[in-house]
C-alpha cells in the first residue's frame, strides 16, 4: 500500500512541476525591428588614390 502512495505522490509532484506547458510567446515579442540606416554612397565610391587599401595580395604585400 505504501508503494502505491509513493507512486501517487511522485506523480503529483511531477504533475505540479511539469504538468503545465509554459505560456506561448507572441511572434511580436520574438522579433525586433530596427530602422535601416541610409546607405552612404561615398562609402562604396571608387577612389583611385586609396584603391590599394582594399587590395589584398601576397605580391602586393611583398612589394613585388
Protein backbone atom coordinates (compact mmCIF):
# COMPACT_ATOMS: atom_id res chain seq x y z
CA UNK A 1 0.00 0.00 0.00
CA UNK A 2 2.84 2.36 0.76
CA UNK A 3 4.29 1.69 -2.69
CA UNK A 4 1.04 2.93 -4.24
CA UNK A 5 1.03 6.19 -2.25
CA UNK A 6 4.68 6.79 -3.13
CA UNK A 7 3.85 6.45 -6.83
CA UNK A 8 0.87 8.77 -6.44
CA UNK A 9 2.86 11.38 -4.55
CA UNK A 10 5.67 11.16 -7.11
CA UNK A 11 3.15 11.53 -9.93
CA UNK A 12 1.53 14.50 -8.17
CA UNK A 13 4.91 16.19 -7.67
CA UNK A 14 5.83 15.59 -11.32
CA UNK A 15 2.48 16.95 -12.48
CA UNK A 16 2.86 20.02 -10.26
CA UNK A 17 6.29 20.72 -11.75
CA UNK A 18 5.88 19.68 -15.39
CA UNK A 19 2.14 19.27 -15.86
CA UNK A 20 1.55 22.66 -17.49
CA UNK A 21 3.23 24.00 -20.59
CA UNK A 22 4.70 27.50 -20.42
CA UNK A 23 2.67 30.30 -21.92
CA UNK A 24 3.11 30.93 -25.63
CA UNK A 25 5.41 33.73 -26.66
CA UNK A 26 3.90 36.00 -29.26
CA UNK A 27 5.72 36.47 -32.56
CA UNK A 28 5.91 40.21 -31.92
CA UNK A 29 7.88 39.51 -28.74
CA UNK A 30 10.39 37.32 -30.61
CA UNK A 31 11.27 39.83 -33.31
CA UNK A 32 12.97 43.19 -33.07
CA UNK A 33 12.56 45.96 -35.58
CA UNK A 34 15.40 48.33 -36.28
CA UNK A 35 15.36 51.32 -38.52
CA UNK A 36 17.59 50.81 -41.54
CA UNK A 37 20.40 53.28 -41.99
CA UNK A 38 20.61 55.24 -45.18
CA UNK A 39 23.40 53.96 -47.41
CA UNK A 40 26.32 56.29 -47.78
CA UNK A 41 27.25 56.47 -51.48
CA UNK A 42 30.74 57.72 -50.59
CA UNK A 43 31.40 54.51 -48.70
CA UNK A 44 31.38 52.40 -51.85
CA UNK A 45 32.67 55.03 -54.26
CA UNK A 46 35.84 54.28 -56.19
CA UNK A 47 38.81 56.34 -55.09
CA UNK A 48 41.89 55.66 -57.25
CA UNK A 49 44.26 57.16 -54.69
CA UNK A 50 43.08 54.79 -51.96
CA UNK A 51 42.26 51.75 -54.11
CA UNK A 52 45.34 49.92 -52.86
CA UNK A 53 43.93 49.80 -49.30
CA UNK A 54 41.29 47.26 -50.29
CA UNK A 55 43.67 45.21 -52.43
CA UNK A 56 44.87 42.08 -50.70
CA UNK A 57 47.51 40.09 -52.49
CA UNK A 58 50.72 38.40 -51.40
CA UNK A 59 52.66 40.03 -54.24
CA UNK A 60 51.45 43.46 -53.16
CA UNK A 61 52.27 42.68 -49.52
CA UNK A 62 55.82 41.74 -50.52
CA UNK A 63 56.15 44.86 -52.69
CA UNK A 64 56.65 42.95 -55.92
